[in-house]
Amino acid sequence: MTGLAEYKKERLDGLAEVAAEGRGTSLLVDALRRLSRNPVAIIGAVIILLFVLLALLAPLIAPNDPTRQFDVPELRADHIPDSVPGFVLGVDQLGRDFFSRLLYGAQQTLIVGVLATLSGLVVGAVIGGLAGAFGGWVDAVLMRLVDIMLALPSLLLAISLAALAERPSQWTVITAVAVVSVPVFARLLRGAMLAQRESDHVLAARALGVKQHVIVLRHMLPNSLSPVLVQGTLTLATAIIDAAALSFLGLGDQTIGRAEWGLMLAQSQRYLEIRPELAMYPAFAIIIVALGFTLLGEAMREALDPKNRR
């Protein structure tokens, strides 16, 4: 009974605060408020902010050209120095500034991850939106195509698509990762729109004679985008890992000297016994960045869930 009384008191206090303000709070405002108080969301946001800043400011922060091979006297076939004057993290196997390559690798990772996720989101939203808006045979045909794509493991599908390219490039990785994410966005938006089709405000608009395309664009679609945007944050983490995996397997951009975390991992395999840091730093960078997007995405999912509103 004591716990129930305390809960009622908290609810009454919350309602009193809202009444004192003279207005209620929307789901978005309430979600932002809870995100600002969530330590998990704050940690994820800080990681993402640092990652984006380092990627955008790489040309200004990097002390050296990431493709330039410096003449380092201590560099030999059996020895890669990790402490060289003028190089924060030493050099790699070819005498290139390792710190500068990590910074430019963040830039490449950001470009690939964002473009792949946005492409997959746009295509998936079109497919899911059409399926959810029209239903019937349109829904059946589109969802069967999506089911075929989901039947294959995502990484295996990405590898198969990237392997079809005659000359692997950065756009090969972006296309492969984007295609893999399409069915996830399509099914998510389609399910959200189907739920909106029977909601009260949609039924009221339909009863008033509002045209179908207006109902879809103004009532169903805006109220169905929240879970898709949250999934976009989570998909960014997956896109970064998949892109690194494709580059590691030699299916990414093979331009000599390009700084990319997955490619740096692949190039360092022969030097693990000599200098394991060449593989450890890119691996840690991939893990930390993917963790940041995952933490923020999960926190956003909880914050936007109406069941969690207090």
C-alpha atoms as a PDB file:
ATOM      1  CA  MET A   1       0.000   0.000   0.000  1.00  0.00           C
ATOM      2  CA  THR A   2       2.858   2.344   0.785  1.00  0.00           C
ATOM      3  CA  GLY A   3       4.357   1.793  -2.676  1.00  0.00           C
ATOM      4  CA  LEU A   4       0.997   2.458  -4.327  1.00  0.00           C
ATOM      5  CA  ALA A   5       0.563   5.662  -2.361  1.00  0.00           C
ATOM      6  CA  GLU A   6       4.040   6.860  -3.355  1.00  0.00           C
ATOM      7  CA  TYR A   7       3.334   6.060  -7.015  1.00  0.00           C
ATOM      8  CA  LYS A   8       0.066   8.023  -6.922  1.00  0.00           C
ATOM      9  CA  LYS A   9       1.842  10.945  -5.264  1.00  0.00           C
ATOM     10  CA  GLU A  10       4.526  10.974  -7.995  1.00  0.00           C
ATOM     11  CA  ARG A  11       1.866  10.902 -10.691  1.00  0.00           C
ATOM     12  CA  LEU A  12      -0.062  13.753  -9.060  1.00  0.00           C
ATOM     13  CA  ASP A  13       3.125  15.794  -8.701  1.00  0.00           C
ATOM     14  CA  GLY A  14       3.915  15.250 -12.384  1.00  0.00           C
ATOM     15  CA  LEU A  15       0.412  16.296 -13.428  1.00  0.00           C
ATOM     16  CA  ALA A  16       0.666  19.350 -11.180  1.00  0.00           C
ATOM     17  CA  GLU A  17       3.908  20.395 -12.887  1.00  0.00           C
ATOM     18  CA  VAL A  18       2.323  20.040 -16.323  1.00  0.00           C
ATOM     19  CA  ALA A  19      -0.746  21.978 -15.203  1.00  0.00           C
ATOM     20  CA  ALA A  20       1.461  24.701 -13.771  1.00  0.00           C
ATOM     21  CA  GLU A  21       3.146  25.077 -17.146  1.00  0.00           C
ATOM     22  CA  GLY A  22      -0.233  25.369 -18.817  1.00  0.00           C
ATOM     23  CA  ARG A  23       0.517  22.801 -21.485  1.00  0.00           C
ATOM     24  CA  GLY A  24       1.194  19.112 -22.029  1.00  0.00           C
ATOM     25  CA  THR A  25       4.272  17.481 -23.486  1.00  0.00           C
ATOM     26  CA  SER A  26       4.455  15.685 -26.798  1.00  0.00           C
ATOM     27  CA  LEU A  27       6.009  12.274 -27.238  1.00  0.00           C
ATOM     28  CA  LEU A  28       9.069  13.811 -28.908  1.00  0.00           C
ATOM     29  CA  VAL A  29       9.657  16.374 -26.150  1.00  0.00           C
ATOM     30  CA  ASP A  30       9.168  13.737 -23.491  1.00  0.00           C
ATOM     31  CA  ALA A  31      11.586  11.411 -25.304  1.00  0.00           C
ATOM     32  CA  LEU A  32      14.256  14.124 -25.526  1.00  0.00           C
ATOM     33  CA  ARG A  33      13.829  14.860 -21.832  1.00  0.00           C
ATOM     34  CA  ARG A  34      14.326  11.222 -20.890  1.00  0.00           C
ATOM     35  CA  LEU A  35      17.265  10.866 -23.277  1.00  0.00           C
ATOM     36  CA  SER A  36      18.995  13.797 -21.579  1.00  0.00           C
ATOM     37  CA  ARG A  37      18.676  11.954 -18.253  1.00  0.00           C
ATOM     38  CA  ASN A  38      19.753   8.554 -19.563  1.00  0.00           C
ATOM     39  CA  PRO A  39      23.461   7.812 -18.912  1.00  0.00           C
ATOM     40  CA  VAL A  40      23.510   5.218 -21.712  1.00  0.00           C
ATOM     41  CA  ALA A  41      22.199   7.743 -24.232  1.00  0.00           C
ATOM     42  CA  ILE A  42      24.691  10.371 -23.053  1.00  0.00           C
ATOM     43  CA  ILE A  43      27.637   7.986 -23.403  1.00  0.00           C
ATOM     44  CA  GLY A  44      26.511   6.932 -26.885  1.00  0.00           C
ATOM     45  CA  ALA A  45      25.977  10.552 -27.959  1.00  0.00           C
ATOM     46  CA  VAL A  46      29.428  11.585 -26.684  1.00  0.00           C
ATOM     47  CA  ILE A  47      31.105   8.728 -28.575  1.00  0.00           C
ATOM     48  CA  ILE A  48      29.259   9.607 -31.786  1.00  0.00           C
ATOM     49  CA  LEU A  49      30.016  13.328 -31.394  1.00  0.00           C
ATOM     50  CA  LEU A  50      33.736  12.670 -30.923  1.00  0.00           C
ATOM     51  CA  PHE A  51      33.752  10.294 -33.893  1.00  0.00           C
ATOM     52  CA  VAL A  52      32.031  12.820 -36.165  1.00  0.00           C
ATOM     53  CA  LEU A  53      34.278  15.671 -35.045  1.00  0.00           C
ATOM     54  CA  LEU A  54      37.456  13.644 -35.598  1.00  0.00           C
ATOM     55  CA  ALA A  55      36.221  12.566 -39.030  1.00  0.00           C
ATOM     56  CA  LEU A  56      35.234  16.066 -40.145  1.00  0.00           C
ATOM     57  CA  LEU A  57      38.354  17.717 -38.726  1.00  0.00           C
ATOM     58  CA  ALA A  58      40.786  15.020 -39.878  1.00  0.00           C
ATOM     59  CA  PRO A  59      42.445  17.273 -42.513  1.00  0.00           C
ATOM     60  CA  LEU A  60      43.075  19.882 -39.803  1.00  0.00           C
ATOM     61  CA  ILE A  61      44.067  17.539 -36.965  1.00  0.00           C
ATOM     62  CA  ALA A  62      46.186  15.028 -38.860  1.00  0.00           C
ATOM     63  CA  PRO A  63      49.850  16.057 -38.493  1.00  0.00           C
ATOM     64  CA  ASN A  64      50.954  14.391 -41.739  1.00  0.00           C
ATOM     65  CA  ASP A  65      49.720  13.202 -45.105  1.00  0.00           C
ATOM     66  CA  PRO A  66      48.293   9.691 -44.480  1.00  0.00           C
ATOM     67  CA  THR A  67      49.594   8.426 -47.836  1.00  0.00           C
ATOM     68  CA  ARG A  68      53.149   9.748 -47.589  1.00  0.00           C
ATOM     69  CA  GLN A  69      55.871   7.210 -46.858  1.00  0.00           C
ATOM     70  CA  PHE A  70      58.505   8.705 -44.558  1.00  0.00           C
ATOM     71  CA  ASP A  71      62.111   7.591 -44.382  1.00  0.00           C
ATOM     72  CA  VAL A  72      62.339   6.162 -40.866  1.00  0.00           C
ATOM     73  CA  PRO A  73      65.788   4.706 -40.072  1.00  0.00           C
ATOM     74  CA  GLU A  74      64.449   2.279 -37.443  1.00  0.00           C
ATOM     75  CA  LEU A  75      61.920   0.777 -39.877  1.00  0.00           C
ATOM     76  CA  ARG A  76      62.953  -2.692 -41.020  1.00  0.00           C
ATOM     77  CA  ALA A  77      61.249  -5.849 -42.262  1.00  0.00           C
ATOM     78  CA  ASP A  78      61.411  -7.331 -38.763  1.00  0.00           C
ATOM     79  CA  HIS A  79      60.895  -4.125 -36.772  1.00  0.00           C
ATOM     80  CA  ILE A  80      58.215  -1.425 -36.930  1.00  0.00           C
ATOM     81  CA  PRO A  81      58.934   1.329 -34.386  1.00  0.00           C
ATOM     82  CA  ASP A  82      56.053   2.528 -32.245  1.00  0.00           C
ATOM     83  CA  SER A  83      57.902   5.556 -30.869  1.00  0.00           C
ATOM     84  CA  VAL A  84      59.265   7.884 -33.536  1.00  0.00           C
ATOM     85  CA  PRO A  85      59.914  11.626 -33.076  1.00  0.00           C
ATOM     86  CA  GLY A  86      57.177  13.581 -34.864  1.00  0.00           C
ATOM     87  CA  PHE A  87      54.740  10.630 -34.993  1.00  0.00           C
ATOM     88  CA  VAL A  88      52.236  10.291 -32.139  1.00  0.00           C
ATOM     89  CA  LEU A  89      51.521   6.578 -32.662  1.00  0.00           C
ATOM     90  CA  GLY A  90      54.575   5.740 -34.708  1.00  0.00           C
ATOM     91  CA  VAL A  91      54.470   4.554 -38.295  1.00  0.00           C
ATOM     92  CA  ASP A  92      53.031   1.542 -40.091  1.00  0.00           C
ATOM     93  CA  GLN A  93      54.857  -1.081 -42.153  1.00  0.00           C
ATOM     94  CA  LEU A  94      55.410   1.383 -45.017  1.00  0.00           C
ATOM     95  CA  GLY A  95      56.560   4.321 -42.921  1.00  0.00           C
ATOM     96  CA  ARG A  96      53.247   6.205 -43.017  1.00  0.00           C
ATOM     97  CA  ASP A  97      51.993   8.214 -40.038  1.00  0.00           C
ATOM     98  CA  PHE A  98      49.723   5.782 -38.205  1.00  0.00           C
ATOM     99  CA  PHE A  99      47.827   8.451 -36.238  1.00  0.00           C
ATOM    100  CA  SER A 100      46.996  10.387 -39.402  1.00  0.00           C
ATOM    101  CA  ARG A 101      45.757   7.207 -41.056  1.00  0.00           C
ATOM    102  CA  LEU A 102      43.456   6.478 -38.117  1.00  0.00           C
ATOM    103  CA  LEU A 103      41.931   9.957 -38.389  1.00  0.00           C
ATOM    104  CA  TYR A 104      41.365   9.687 -42.128  1.00  0.00           C
ATOM    105  CA  GLY A 105      40.043   6.163 -41.578  1.00  0.00           C
ATOM    106  CA  ALA A 106      37.341   7.675 -39.360  1.00  0.00           C
ATOM    107  CA  GLN A 107      36.420   9.978 -42.240  1.00  0.00           C
ATOM    108  CA  GLN A 108      36.070   7.082 -44.678  1.00  0.00           C
ATOM    109  CA  THR A 109      34.070   5.066 -42.149  1.00  0.00           C
ATOM    110  CA  LEU A 110      31.678   7.982 -41.577  1.00  0.00           C
ATOM    111  CA  ILE A 111      31.148   8.483 -45.310  1.00  0.00           C
ATOM    112  CA  VAL A 112      30.485   4.806 -46.017  1.00  0.00           C
ATOM    113  CA  GLY A 113      28.276   4.283 -42.959  1.00  0.00           C
ATOM    114  CA  VAL A 114      26.102   7.360 -43.479  1.00  0.00           C
ATOM    115  CA  LEU A 115      25.665   6.956 -47.241  1.00  0.00           C
ATOM    116  CA  ALA A 116      24.915   3.227 -46.973  1.00  0.00           C
ATOM    117  CA  THR A 117      22.401   3.743 -44.168  1.00  0.00           C
ATOM    118  CA  LEU A 118      20.658   6.669 -45.884  1.00  0.00           C
ATOM    119  CA  SER A 119      20.440   4.770 -49.170  1.00  0.00           C
ATOM    120  CA  GLY A 120      19.013   1.695 -47.490  1.00  0.00           C
ATOM    121  CA  LEU A 121      16.582   3.822 -45.468  1.00  0.00           C
ATOM    122  CA  VAL A 122      15.259   5.684 -48.517  1.00  0.00           C
ATOM    123  CA  VAL A 123      14.778   2.556 -50.649  1.00  0.00           C
ATOM    124  CA  GLY A 124      13.365   0.567 -47.734  1.00  0.00           C
ATOM    125  CA  ALA A 125      11.010   3.410 -46.814  1.00  0.00           C
ATOM    126  CA  VAL A 126       9.677   3.543 -50.374  1.00  0.00           C
ATOM    127  CA  ILE A 127       9.052  -0.202 -50.436  1.00  0.00           C
ATOM    128  CA  GLY A 128       7.578  -0.332 -46.933  1.00  0.00           C
ATOM    129  CA  GLY A 129       5.521   2.800 -47.516  1.00  0.00           C
ATOM    130  CA  LEU A 130       3.969   1.445 -50.706  1.00  0.00           C
ATOM    131  CA  ALA A 131       3.231  -1.906 -49.081  1.00  0.00           C
ATOM    132  CA  GLY A 132       1.682  -0.312 -46.003  1.00  0.00           C
ATOM    133  CA  ALA A 133      -0.288   2.309 -47.898  1.00  0.00           C
ATOM    134  CA  PHE A 134      -1.855   0.130 -50.601  1.00  0.00           C
ATOM    135  CA  GLY A 135      -1.926  -3.335 -49.062  1.00  0.00           C
ATOM    136  CA  GLY A 136      -3.425  -6.135 -51.146  1.00  0.00           C
ATOM    137  CA  TRP A 137      -1.376  -7.513 -54.015  1.00  0.00           C
ATOM    138  CA  VAL A 138       1.135  -4.635 -53.797  1.00  0.00           C
ATOM    139  CA  ASP A 139       1.894  -5.565 -50.213  1.00  0.00           C
ATOM    140  CA  ALA A 140       2.082  -9.274 -51.081  1.00  0.00           C
ATOM    141  CA  VAL A 141       4.508  -8.828 -53.991  1.00  0.00           C
ATOM    142  CA  LEU A 142       6.826  -6.364 -52.257  1.00  0.00           C
ATOM    143  CA  MET A 143       6.972  -8.307 -49.011  1.00  0.00           C
ATOM    144  CA  ARG A 144       7.775 -11.564 -50.815  1.00  0.00           C
ATOM    145  CA  LEU A 145      10.736  -9.832 -52.422  1.00  0.00           C
ATOM    146  CA  VAL A 146      11.799  -8.593 -49.005  1.00  0.00           C
ATOM    147  CA  ASP A 147      11.425 -12.110 -47.581  1.00  0.00           C
ATOM    148  CA  ILE A 148      13.770 -13.437 -50.269  1.00  0.00           C
ATOM    149  CA  MET A 149      16.387 -10.882 -49.250  1.00  0.00           C
ATOM    150  CA  LEU A 150      15.937 -11.740 -45.581  1.00  0.00           C
ATOM    151  CA  ALA A 151      16.394 -15.435 -46.321  1.00  0.00           C
ATOM    152  CA  LEU A 152      20.128 -14.856 -46.824  1.00  0.00           C
ATOM    153  CA  PRO A 153      22.421 -13.847 -43.943  1.00  0.00           C
ATOM    154  CA  SER A 154      23.131 -10.133 -44.215  1.00  0.00           C
ATOM    155  CA  LEU A 155      26.924 -10.372 -44.328  1.00  0.00           C
ATOM    156  CA  LEU A 156      26.803 -13.226 -46.840  1.00  0.00           C
ATOM    157  CA  LEU A 157      24.480 -11.187 -49.065  1.00  0.00           C
ATOM    158  CA  ALA A 158      26.784  -8.170 -48.817  1.00  0.00           C
ATOM    159  CA  ILE A 159      29.822 -10.291 -49.713  1.00  0.00           C
ATOM    160  CA  SER A 160      27.983 -11.802 -52.688  1.00  0.00           C
ATOM    161  CA  LEU A 161      26.962  -8.383 -54.000  1.00  0.00           C
ATOM    162  CA  ALA A 162      30.424  -6.896 -53.513  1.00  0.00           C
ATOM    163  CA  ALA A 163      32.050  -9.885 -55.227  1.00  0.00           C
ATOM    164  CA  LEU A 164      29.999  -9.217 -58.370  1.00  0.00           C
ATOM    165  CA  ALA A 165      31.809  -5.931 -58.965  1.00  0.00           C
ATOM    166  CA  GLU A 166      34.469  -6.057 -61.656  1.00  0.00           C
ATOM    167  CA  ARG A 167      36.593  -3.492 -59.834  1.00  0.00           C
ATOM    168  CA  PRO A 168      35.880  -3.172 -56.098  1.00  0.00           C
ATOM    169  CA  SER A 169      35.587   0.416 -54.904  1.00  0.00           C
ATOM    170  CA  GLN A 170      34.162   2.468 -52.082  1.00  0.00           C
ATOM    171  CA  TRP A 171      30.836   2.643 -53.920  1.00  0.00           C
ATOM    172  CA  THR A 172      30.786  -1.143 -54.110  1.00  0.00           C
ATOM    173  CA  VAL A 173      30.849  -1.303 -50.321  1.00  0.00           C
ATOM    174  CA  ILE A 174      28.206   1.420 -49.975  1.00  0.00           C
ATOM    175  CA  THR A 175      25.871  -0.342 -52.424  1.00  0.00           C
ATOM    176  CA  ALA A 176      26.312  -3.774 -50.847  1.00  0.00           C
ATOM    177  CA  VAL A 177      25.731  -2.536 -47.295  1.00  0.00           C
ATOM    178  CA  ALA A 178      22.757  -0.405 -48.400  1.00  0.00           C
ATOM    179  CA  VAL A 179      21.030  -3.328 -50.126  1.00  0.00           C
ATOM    180  CA  VAL A 180      21.433  -5.444 -46.994  1.00  0.00           C
ATOM    181  CA  SER A 181      19.659  -2.826 -44.860  1.00  0.00           C
ATOM    182  CA  VAL A 182      16.720  -2.306 -47.251  1.00  0.00           C
ATOM    183  CA  PRO A 183      14.516  -5.198 -46.017  1.00  0.00           C
ATOM    184  CA  VAL A 184      14.902  -4.146 -42.372  1.00  0.00           C
ATOM    185  CA  PHE A 185      13.577  -0.645 -43.039  1.00  0.00           C
ATOM    186  CA  ALA A 186      10.913  -1.914 -45.423  1.00  0.00           C
ATOM    187  CA  ARG A 187       9.362  -4.370 -42.973  1.00  0.00           C
ATOM    188  CA  LEU A 188       9.574  -1.929 -40.081  1.00  0.00           C
ATOM    189  CA  LEU A 189       7.823   0.922 -41.906  1.00  0.00           C
ATOM    190  CA  ARG A 190       5.272  -1.409 -43.439  1.00  0.00           C
ATOM    191  CA  GLY A 191       4.332  -2.791 -40.002  1.00  0.00           C
ATOM    192  CA  ALA A 192       4.056   0.686 -38.498  1.00  0.00           C
ATOM    193  CA  MET A 193       1.854   1.911 -41.349  1.00  0.00           C
ATOM    194  CA  LEU A 194      -0.420  -1.113 -41.137  1.00  0.00           C
ATOM    195  CA  ALA A 195      -0.917  -0.314 -37.454  1.00  0.00           C
ATOM    196  CA  GLN A 196      -1.754   3.279 -38.363  1.00  0.00           C
ATOM    197  CA  ARG A 197      -4.362   2.241 -40.938  1.00  0.00           C
ATOM    198  CA  GLU A 198      -6.827   1.253 -38.216  1.00  0.00           C
ATOM    199  CA  SER A 199      -6.048   4.097 -35.806  1.00  0.00           C
ATOM    200  CA  ASP A 200      -8.788   6.523 -34.780  1.00  0.00           C
ATOM    201  CA  HIS A 201      -7.411   9.604 -36.535  1.00  0.00           C
ATOM    202  CA  VAL A 202      -7.015   7.719 -39.826  1.00  0.00           C
ATOM    203  CA  LEU A 203     -10.526   6.294 -39.611  1.00  0.00           C
ATOM    204  CA  ALA A 204     -11.866   9.771 -38.838  1.00  0.00           C
ATOM    205  CA  ALA A 205     -10.056  11.281 -41.827  1.00  0.00           C
ATOM    206  CA  ARG A 206     -11.354   8.512 -44.068  1.00  0.00           C
ATOM    207  CA  ALA A 207     -14.914   9.062 -42.787  1.00  0.00           C
ATOM    208  CA  LEU A 208     -14.615  12.774 -43.608  1.00  0.00           C
ATOM    209  CA  GLY A 209     -13.785  11.926 -47.202  1.00  0.00           C
ATOM    210  CA  VAL A 210     -10.089  12.845 -47.129  1.00  0.00           C
ATOM    211  CA  LYS A 211      -8.276  11.464 -50.153  1.00  0.00           C
ATOM    212  CA  GLN A 212      -6.138   8.358 -49.687  1.00  0.00           C
ATOM    213  CA  HIS A 213      -2.823   9.956 -50.655  1.00  0.00           C
ATOM    214  CA  VAL A 214      -3.429  12.802 -48.190  1.00  0.00           C
ATOM    215  CA  ILE A 215      -4.179  10.315 -45.421  1.00  0.00           C
ATOM    216  CA  VAL A 216      -0.989   8.416 -46.203  1.00  0.00           C
ATOM    217  CA  LEU A 217       1.310  11.443 -46.429  1.00  0.00           C
ATOM    218  CA  ARG A 218      -0.151  13.557 -43.616  1.00  0.00           C
ATOM    219  CA  HIS A 219      -1.473  11.028 -41.110  1.00  0.00           C
ATOM    220  CA  MET A 220       0.027   7.577 -41.572  1.00  0.00           C
ATOM    221  CA  LEU A 221       3.594   8.243 -42.729  1.00  0.00           C
ATOM    222  CA  PRO A 222       4.612  10.941 -40.185  1.00  0.00           C
ATOM    223  CA  ASN A 223       3.350   8.813 -37.291  1.00  0.00           C
ATOM    224  CA  SER A 224       5.220   5.748 -38.571  1.00  0.00           C
ATOM    225  CA  LEU A 225       8.708   7.215 -38.991  1.00  0.00           C
ATOM    226  CA  SER A 226       9.863   7.158 -35.357  1.00  0.00           C
ATOM    227  CA  PRO A 227      10.801   3.453 -35.233  1.00  0.00           C
ATOM    228  CA  VAL A 228      12.438   3.751 -38.662  1.00  0.00           C
ATOM    229  CA  LEU A 229      14.661   6.617 -37.519  1.00  0.00           C
ATOM    230  CA  VAL A 230      15.636   4.688 -34.405  1.00  0.00           C
ATOM    231  CA  GLN A 231      16.479   1.670 -36.554  1.00  0.00           C
ATOM    232  CA  GLY A 232      18.609   3.960 -38.719  1.00  0.00           C
ATOM    233  CA  THR A 233      20.843   4.696 -35.733  1.00  0.00           C
ATOM    234  CA  LEU A 234      21.212   0.990 -34.985  1.00  0.00           C
ATOM    235  CA  THR A 235      21.802   0.182 -38.647  1.00  0.00           C
ATOM    236  CA  LEU A 236      24.672   2.672 -38.742  1.00  0.00           C
ATOM    237  CA  ALA A 237      26.530   0.467 -36.263  1.00  0.00           C
ATOM    238  CA  THR A 238      25.910  -2.599 -38.408  1.00  0.00           C
ATOM    239  CA  ALA A 239      26.878  -0.713 -41.574  1.00  0.00           C
ATOM    240  CA  ILE A 240      30.231   0.284 -40.076  1.00  0.00           C
ATOM    241  CA  ILE A 241      30.995  -3.314 -39.111  1.00  0.00           C
ATOM    242  CA  ASP A 242      29.872  -4.731 -42.476  1.00  0.00           C
ATOM    243  CA  ALA A 243      31.860  -2.131 -44.403  1.00  0.00           C
ATOM    244  CA  ALA A 244      34.979  -2.937 -42.387  1.00  0.00           C
ATOM    245  CA  ALA A 245      34.403  -6.652 -42.990  1.00  0.00           C
ATOM    246  CA  LEU A 246      34.150  -6.170 -46.763  1.00  0.00           C
ATOM    247  CA  SER A 247      37.321  -4.085 -46.833  1.00  0.00           C
ATOM    248  CA  PHE A 248      39.069  -6.664 -44.657  1.00  0.00           C
ATOM    249  CA  LEU A 249      38.144  -9.384 -47.152  1.00  0.00           C
ATOM    250  CA  GLY A 250      39.516  -7.350 -50.048  1.00  0.00           C
ATOM    251  CA  LEU A 251      36.108  -6.452 -51.487  1.00  0.00           C
ATOM    252  CA  GLY A 252      36.382  -2.721 -50.796  1.00  0.00           C
ATOM    253  CA  ASP A 253      38.390   0.086 -52.312  1.00  0.00           C
ATOM    254  CA  GLN A 254      41.844  -1.214 -53.237  1.00  0.00           C
ATOM    255  CA  THR A 255      43.393   2.197 -53.880  1.00  0.00           C
ATOM    256  CA  ILE A 256      46.997   2.121 -52.709  1.00  0.00           C
ATOM    257  CA  GLY A 257      47.453   4.233 -49.621  1.00  0.00           C
ATOM    258  CA  ARG A 258      43.746   4.701 -48.796  1.00  0.00           C
ATOM    259  CA  ALA A 259      43.213   4.919 -45.050  1.00  0.00           C
ATOM    260  CA  GLU A 260      40.232   2.775 -44.066  1.00  0.00           C
ATOM    261  CA  TRP A 261      39.914   0.877 -40.801  1.00  0.00           C
ATOM    262  CA  GLY A 262      38.913  -2.465 -42.319  1.00  0.00           C
ATOM    263  CA  LEU A 263      41.694  -2.268 -44.912  1.00  0.00           C
ATOM    264  CA  MET A 264      44.188  -1.288 -42.209  1.00  0.00           C
ATOM    265  CA  LEU A 265      43.182  -4.404 -40.293  1.00  0.00           C
ATOM    266  CA  ALA A 266      43.786  -6.584 -43.332  1.00  0.00           C
ATOM    267  CA  GLN A 267      47.177  -5.031 -44.081  1.00  0.00           C
ATOM    268  CA  SER A 268      48.371  -5.491 -40.503  1.00  0.00           C
ATOM    269  CA  GLN A 269      47.811  -9.262 -40.328  1.00  0.00           C
ATOM    270  CA  ARG A 270      51.353 -10.085 -41.396  1.00  0.00           C
ATOM    271  CA  TYR A 271      52.809  -7.864 -38.681  1.00  0.00           C
ATOM    272  CA  LEU A 272      50.873  -9.028 -35.612  1.00  0.00           C
ATOM    273  CA  GLU A 273      53.967 -10.511 -33.980  1.00  0.00           C
ATOM    274  CA  ILE A 274      56.099  -7.476 -34.804  1.00  0.00           C
ATOM    275  CA  ARG A 275      53.633  -4.737 -33.882  1.00  0.00           C
ATOM    276  CA  PRO A 276      50.109  -5.829 -32.873  1.00  0.00           C
ATOM    277  CA  GLU A 277      49.033  -2.193 -32.369  1.00  0.00           C
ATOM    278  CA  LEU A 278      48.602  -1.865 -36.130  1.00  0.00           C
ATOM    279  CA  ALA A 279      45.578  -4.158 -35.811  1.00  0.00           C
ATOM    280  CA  MET A 280      44.472  -3.270 -32.285  1.00  0.00           C
ATOM    281  CA  TYR A 281      43.861   0.459 -32.835  1.00  0.00           C
ATOM    282  CA  PRO A 282      41.610   0.098 -35.919  1.00  0.00           C
ATOM    283  CA  ALA A 283      39.751  -2.792 -34.267  1.00  0.00           C
ATOM    284  CA  PHE A 284      39.149  -0.787 -31.094  1.00  0.00           C
ATOM    285  CA  ALA A 285      38.007   2.191 -33.176  1.00  0.00           C
ATOM    286  CA  ILE A 286      35.435   0.069 -35.033  1.00  0.00           C
ATOM    287  CA  ILE A 287      34.159  -1.485 -31.802  1.00  0.00           C
ATOM    288  CA  ILE A 288      33.867   1.814 -29.917  1.00  0.00           C
ATOM    289  CA  VAL A 289      32.093   3.659 -32.745  1.00  0.00           C
ATOM    290  CA  ALA A 290      29.664   0.794 -33.334  1.00  0.00           C
ATOM    291  CA  LEU A 291      29.032   0.664 -29.579  1.00  0.00           C
ATOM    292  CA  GLY A 292      28.230   4.386 -29.529  1.00  0.00           C
ATOM    293  CA  PHE A 293      25.574   4.091 -32.232  1.00  0.00           C
ATOM    294  CA  THR A 294      24.137   0.979 -30.570  1.00  0.00           C
ATOM    295  CA  LEU A 295      23.872   2.623 -27.147  1.00  0.00           C
ATOM    296  CA  LEU A 296      22.182   5.717 -28.543  1.00  0.00           C
ATOM    297  CA  GLY A 297      19.844   3.673 -30.739  1.00  0.00           C
ATOM    298  CA  GLU A 298      18.693   1.443 -27.884  1.00  0.00           C
ATOM    299  CA  ALA A 299      18.178   4.480 -25.644  1.00  0.00           C
ATOM    300  CA  MET A 300      16.128   6.168 -28.380  1.00  0.00           C
ATOM    301  CA  ARG A 301      14.023   3.041 -28.789  1.00  0.00           C
ATOM    302  CA  GLU A 302      13.174   3.012 -25.088  1.00  0.00           C
ATOM    303  CA  ALA A 303      12.558   6.757 -24.981  1.00  0.00           C
ATOM    304  CA  LEU A 304      10.125   6.702 -27.923  1.00  0.00           C
ATOM    305  CA  ASP A 305       8.182   3.730 -26.589  1.00  0.00           C
ATOM    306  CA  PRO A 306       4.840   5.089 -25.290  1.00  0.00           C
ATOM    307  CA  LYS A 307       4.761   2.309 -22.681  1.00  0.00           C
ATOM    308  CA  ASN A 308       7.776   3.868 -20.977  1.00  0.00           C
ATOM    309  CA  ARG A 309       6.226   7.306 -20.533  1.00  0.00           C
ATOM    310  CA  ARG A 310       5.865   8.462 -16.952  1.00  0.00           C
END
